[in-house]
């Protein structure tokens, strides 16, 4: 009986020893390099493509560029949404001509920034849904791909963030202002879409005046013309914008978001 028991124990140990070990499935963000950042091939180490992708994502996060505009490029700016009708009797240009002119200027701005050539900024104004933010995000993504430091700021959100510093939460006002004033490329989105007080108008003037005096690359989008902006904020700010930027109008006869919505409905 003892011999039989010993034999069974030996068989059990052999079974355990020879049984396949349980494998734990490991998830990698990058299965190619298994999150090492390097690929080894023919006794050589190569940097994996995921490294540049992670760098770009971090840059976009720092630049405050996210959401639907994160991956936009100039191919996403479709002239098909800009019809060939005349904008108005005072302006003989068509909606499409204005859009094409604005897109060409945006590409030229990007090229000059990357080449380190002298250039003026862009003030892009037009009605809601005319593609201003989209075009600005195309510029931002183009520059971020080439490691250009920039910030993409929604002006109403930024002013709220400045006000929040009064409660001593997070950054202080001076830190935020310095970041925005001195960044190599600044995109101010939706300037004018705010009820401006003397305090908020003063902060906007401070930013634009600093950048105009230091010849820093700046893109501004607004629903207001420069003359209308003078009434909404102040004359000093609009005057500095004329010094800092070339003025471009971008219009559609129908909100692009509404056009896209109608297209999606037809597909259903």
Protein backbone atom coordinates (compact mmCIF):
# COMPACT_ATOMS: atom_id res chain seq x y z
CA UNK A 1 0.00 0.00 0.00
CA UNK A 2 2.84 2.37 0.87
CA UNK A 3 4.55 1.62 -2.42
CA UNK A 4 1.36 2.39 -4.35
CA UNK A 5 0.93 5.73 -2.54
CA UNK A 6 4.51 6.75 -3.27
CA UNK A 7 4.05 5.82 -6.91
CA UNK A 8 0.89 7.95 -7.16
CA UNK A 9 2.63 10.94 -5.51
CA UNK A 10 5.51 10.64 -7.96
CA UNK A 11 3.10 10.55 -10.90
CA UNK A 12 1.30 13.61 -9.55
CA UNK A 13 4.55 15.56 -9.19
CA UNK A 14 5.53 14.65 -12.76
CA UNK A 15 2.14 15.74 -14.00
CA UNK A 16 2.45 19.14 -12.28
CA UNK A 17 6.01 19.56 -13.46
CA UNK A 18 5.18 18.82 -17.10
CA UNK A 19 1.86 20.64 -17.27
CA UNK A 20 1.95 23.93 -19.28
CA UNK A 21 2.36 27.00 -17.11
CA UNK A 22 -0.58 29.37 -17.03
CA UNK A 23 0.15 32.39 -19.19
CA UNK A 24 -1.02 35.88 -18.25
CA UNK A 25 -2.03 38.02 -21.23
CA UNK A 26 -0.21 41.34 -21.15
CA UNK A 27 -1.72 44.37 -22.86
CA UNK A 28 0.66 46.81 -24.51
CA UNK A 29 -0.23 50.27 -25.77
CA UNK A 30 2.15 49.52 -28.62
CA UNK A 31 2.30 45.79 -29.47
CA UNK A 32 5.09 46.45 -31.98
CA UNK A 33 7.72 47.46 -29.42
CA UNK A 34 5.84 46.27 -26.31
CA UNK A 35 6.06 49.80 -24.86
CA UNK A 36 9.87 49.75 -24.86
CA UNK A 37 10.09 52.51 -27.46
CA UNK A 38 12.70 50.53 -29.37
CA UNK A 39 12.53 47.82 -32.00
CA UNK A 40 15.41 45.37 -32.34
CA UNK A 41 16.09 44.03 -35.82
CA UNK A 42 19.25 42.48 -37.24
CA UNK A 43 21.11 43.33 -34.02
CA UNK A 44 20.21 47.00 -34.46
CA UNK A 45 17.90 49.15 -32.32
CA UNK A 46 15.39 51.47 -33.98
CA UNK A 47 13.07 54.03 -32.40
CA UNK A 48 9.48 52.87 -32.69
CA UNK A 49 6.90 55.08 -34.41
CA UNK A 50 4.89 55.14 -31.18
CA UNK A 51 7.51 57.42 -29.60
CA UNK A 52 6.81 60.26 -32.02
CA UNK A 53 3.06 59.67 -31.66
CA UNK A 54 3.28 59.93 -27.87
CA UNK A 55 5.40 63.06 -28.17
CA UNK A 56 2.83 64.65 -30.46
CA UNK A 57 -0.04 63.73 -28.13
CA UNK A 58 1.82 65.32 -25.22
CA UNK A 59 2.48 68.44 -27.28
CA UNK A 60 -1.19 68.71 -28.20
CA UNK A 61 -2.18 68.33 -24.57
CA UNK A 62 0.23 71.09 -23.60
CA UNK A 63 -1.04 73.23 -26.48
CA UNK A 64 -4.64 72.74 -25.27
CA UNK A 65 -5.67 71.33 -28.62
CA UNK A 66 -8.11 68.47 -28.14
CA UNK A 67 -11.53 67.15 -29.03
CA UNK A 68 -12.84 67.21 -32.59
CA UNK A 69 -10.09 69.56 -33.77
CA UNK A 70 -7.15 67.48 -32.54
CA UNK A 71 -6.48 65.66 -35.82
CA UNK A 72 -7.70 68.21 -38.36
CA UNK A 73 -5.52 69.15 -41.32
CA UNK A 74 -5.93 71.32 -44.41
CA UNK A 75 -7.50 68.43 -46.34
CA UNK A 76 -10.42 68.60 -43.86
CA UNK A 77 -11.07 72.22 -44.84
CA UNK A 78 -13.42 71.54 -47.75
CA UNK A 79 -14.29 74.34 -50.16
CA UNK A 80 -17.44 72.41 -51.06
CA UNK A 81 -19.22 74.05 -48.11
CA UNK A 82 -18.58 77.50 -49.58
CA UNK A 83 -20.90 78.24 -52.44
CA UNK A 84 -20.12 80.33 -55.48
CA UNK A 85 -22.69 83.04 -54.77
CA UNK A 86 -21.63 86.64 -54.14
CA UNK A 87 -21.23 87.45 -50.44
CA UNK A 88 -22.91 90.85 -50.71
CA UNK A 89 -23.29 93.81 -53.07
CA UNK A 90 -20.41 95.68 -51.43
CA UNK A 91 -18.08 92.73 -51.88
CA UNK A 92 -17.94 91.13 -55.31
CA UNK A 93 -16.07 88.07 -53.98
CA UNK A 94 -17.87 84.76 -53.65
CA UNK A 95 -18.00 82.68 -50.48
CA UNK A 96 -15.66 80.15 -52.08
CA UNK A 97 -13.17 82.80 -53.18
CA UNK A 98 -12.98 84.17 -49.64
CA UNK A 99 -12.48 80.65 -48.25
CA UNK A 100 -9.82 79.77 -50.80
CA UNK A 101 -7.97 83.02 -50.10
CA UNK A 102 -8.12 82.39 -46.36
CA UNK A 103 -6.93 78.80 -46.67
CA UNK A 104 -4.01 79.83 -48.90
CA UNK A 105 -3.03 82.46 -46.33
CA UNK A 106 -3.21 79.87 -43.54
CA UNK A 107 -0.89 77.52 -45.43
CA UNK A 108 1.49 80.39 -46.17
CA UNK A 109 1.49 81.41 -42.49
CA UNK A 110 2.39 77.84 -41.48
CA UNK A 111 5.18 77.63 -44.05
CA UNK A 112 6.70 80.94 -42.97
CA UNK A 113 6.62 79.99 -39.30
CA UNK A 114 8.39 76.72 -40.08
CA UNK A 115 10.93 78.46 -42.31
CA UNK A 116 11.59 81.18 -39.73
CA UNK A 117 10.61 83.90 -42.21
CA UNK A 118 9.09 87.25 -41.30
CA UNK A 119 5.30 87.25 -41.42
CA UNK A 120 2.21 88.86 -39.99
CA UNK A 121 -0.44 87.05 -38.02
CA UNK A 122 -3.98 86.36 -39.16
CA UNK A 123 -7.25 87.85 -37.94
CA UNK A 124 -10.02 85.62 -39.31
CA UNK A 125 -13.56 86.86 -38.82
CA UNK A 126 -16.97 85.75 -40.00
CA UNK A 127 -20.33 84.43 -38.92
CA UNK A 128 -20.87 81.42 -36.65
CA UNK A 129 -20.19 78.12 -38.38
CA UNK A 130 -18.04 79.52 -41.18
CA UNK A 131 -15.01 77.31 -40.41
CA UNK A 132 -12.77 79.75 -38.54
CA UNK A 133 -11.90 77.42 -35.66
CA UNK A 134 -11.41 74.51 -38.05
CA UNK A 135 -8.92 76.48 -40.14
CA UNK A 136 -7.07 77.65 -37.03
CA UNK A 137 -6.81 74.05 -35.80
CA UNK A 138 -5.40 72.98 -39.18
CA UNK A 139 -2.61 75.52 -38.68
CA UNK A 140 -2.04 74.32 -35.13
CA UNK A 141 -1.77 70.64 -36.08
CA UNK A 142 0.58 71.45 -38.96
CA UNK A 143 2.93 73.33 -36.64
CA UNK A 144 2.74 70.82 -33.79
CA UNK A 145 3.87 68.06 -36.14
CA UNK A 146 7.09 70.04 -36.56
CA UNK A 147 7.64 70.59 -32.80
CA UNK A 148 6.58 74.25 -32.77
CA UNK A 149 5.52 75.44 -29.31
CA UNK A 150 2.05 76.91 -29.40
CA UNK A 151 -1.12 77.42 -27.40
CA UNK A 152 -4.66 77.10 -28.72
CA UNK A 153 -6.78 79.24 -26.40
CA UNK A 154 -10.53 79.65 -26.30
CA UNK A 155 -10.75 83.27 -25.16
CA UNK A 156 -13.97 82.91 -23.09
CA UNK A 157 -12.56 79.82 -21.32
CA UNK A 158 -9.23 81.53 -20.71
CA UNK A 159 -10.86 84.58 -19.15
CA UNK A 160 -12.87 82.28 -16.87
CA UNK A 161 -9.62 80.51 -15.95
CA UNK A 162 -8.02 83.84 -15.08
CA UNK A 163 -10.98 84.72 -12.87
CA UNK A 164 -10.66 81.37 -11.14
CA UNK A 165 -7.17 82.33 -9.95
CA UNK A 166 -8.84 84.81 -7.61
CA UNK A 167 -9.80 81.76 -5.53
CA UNK A 168 -6.14 80.68 -5.40
CA UNK A 169 -6.82 77.39 -7.19
CA UNK A 170 -4.14 76.16 -9.58
CA UNK A 171 -1.98 78.66 -11.46
CA UNK A 172 -1.89 82.29 -10.49
CA UNK A 173 -2.90 85.05 -12.90
CA UNK A 174 0.63 86.22 -13.66
CA UNK A 175 1.77 82.69 -14.56
CA UNK A 176 -1.15 82.18 -16.95
CA UNK A 177 -0.70 85.59 -18.55
CA UNK A 178 3.02 85.03 -19.08
CA UNK A 179 2.39 81.64 -20.70
CA UNK A 180 -0.04 83.11 -23.19
CA UNK A 181 1.85 86.31 -23.89
CA UNK A 182 5.23 84.74 -24.60
CA UNK A 183 4.42 81.44 -26.36
CA UNK A 184 6.06 81.38 -29.83
CA UNK A 185 2.72 80.82 -31.60
CA UNK A 186 -0.62 81.79 -30.06
CA UNK A 187 -4.09 81.03 -31.40
CA UNK A 188 -6.85 83.05 -29.76
CA UNK A 189 -10.18 81.48 -30.69
CA UNK A 190 -13.52 83.30 -30.37
CA UNK A 191 -12.26 86.73 -29.45
CA UNK A 192 -15.28 88.94 -28.95
CA UNK A 193 -17.58 86.09 -27.82
CA UNK A 194 -17.72 87.47 -24.30
CA UNK A 195 -19.28 90.28 -22.28
CA UNK A 196 -16.16 92.38 -21.72
CA UNK A 197 -15.55 94.35 -18.58
CA UNK A 198 -12.70 96.81 -18.08
CA UNK A 199 -10.79 94.00 -16.37
CA UNK A 200 -11.21 91.40 -19.15
CA UNK A 201 -10.64 93.98 -21.91
CA UNK A 202 -7.44 95.01 -20.14
CA UNK A 203 -6.16 91.43 -20.06
CA UNK A 204 -6.83 90.94 -23.76
CA UNK A 205 -5.09 94.20 -24.62
CA UNK A 206 -2.12 93.21 -22.46
CA UNK A 207 -1.69 89.95 -24.39
CA UNK A 208 -2.10 91.42 -27.87
CA UNK A 209 0.02 94.49 -27.12
CA UNK A 210 2.87 92.32 -25.79
CA UNK A 211 2.79 90.09 -28.85
CA UNK A 212 2.62 93.04 -31.25
CA UNK A 213 5.60 94.71 -29.55
CA UNK A 214 7.61 91.48 -29.69
CA UNK A 215 6.50 90.45 -33.19
CA UNK A 216 5.19 87.04 -32.05
CA UNK A 217 3.15 84.80 -34.36
CA UNK A 218 -0.56 85.13 -33.60
CA UNK A 219 -3.81 83.80 -35.05
CA UNK A 220 -7.10 85.33 -33.92
CA UNK A 221 -10.61 84.18 -34.83
CA UNK A 222 -13.71 86.23 -34.14
CA UNK A 223 -17.35 86.68 -35.11
CA UNK A 224 -16.65 90.41 -35.23
CA UNK A 225 -14.84 92.59 -37.72
CA UNK A 226 -11.98 94.68 -36.36
CA UNK A 227 -14.23 97.76 -36.34
CA UNK A 228 -16.93 95.86 -34.43
CA UNK A 229 -14.26 94.60 -32.04
CA UNK A 230 -13.32 98.20 -31.24
CA UNK A 231 -16.85 98.71 -29.92
CA UNK A 232 -16.99 95.35 -28.12
CA UNK A 233 -13.61 95.62 -26.38
CA UNK A 234 -11.78 98.87 -27.07
CA UNK A 235 -10.07 100.89 -29.80
CA UNK A 236 -6.57 100.21 -28.45
CA UNK A 237 -6.99 96.46 -28.90
CA UNK A 238 -8.34 96.71 -32.45
CA UNK A 239 -5.50 99.08 -33.36
CA UNK A 240 -2.88 96.62 -32.10
CA UNK A 241 -4.55 93.81 -34.03
CA UNK A 242 -4.15 95.82 -37.23
CA UNK A 243 -0.45 96.12 -36.40
CA UNK A 244 -0.12 92.41 -35.57
CA UNK A 245 -2.32 90.71 -38.19
CA UNK A 246 -3.56 90.64 -41.73
CA UNK A 247 -7.37 90.67 -41.86
CA UNK A 248 -9.27 87.82 -43.52
CA UNK A 249 -13.00 87.31 -43.87
CA UNK A 250 -14.50 83.82 -43.91
CA UNK A 251 -18.22 83.47 -44.63
CA UNK A 252 -20.83 80.89 -45.59
CA UNK A 253 -24.44 81.41 -46.58
CA UNK A 254 -25.34 78.49 -44.29
CA UNK A 255 -23.69 77.26 -41.08
CA UNK A 256 -21.31 74.42 -42.03
CA UNK A 257 -22.38 72.39 -39.00
CA UNK A 258 -25.96 72.61 -40.28
CA UNK A 259 -24.81 71.54 -43.75
CA UNK A 260 -22.99 68.53 -42.28
CA UNK A 261 -26.05 67.66 -40.19
CA UNK A 262 -28.26 67.64 -43.30
CA UNK A 263 -25.75 65.43 -45.12
CA UNK A 264 -25.75 62.93 -42.24
CA UNK A 265 -29.56 62.86 -42.19
CA UNK A 266 -29.65 61.99 -45.88
CA UNK A 267 -27.31 59.05 -45.31
CA UNK A 268 -29.56 57.49 -42.67
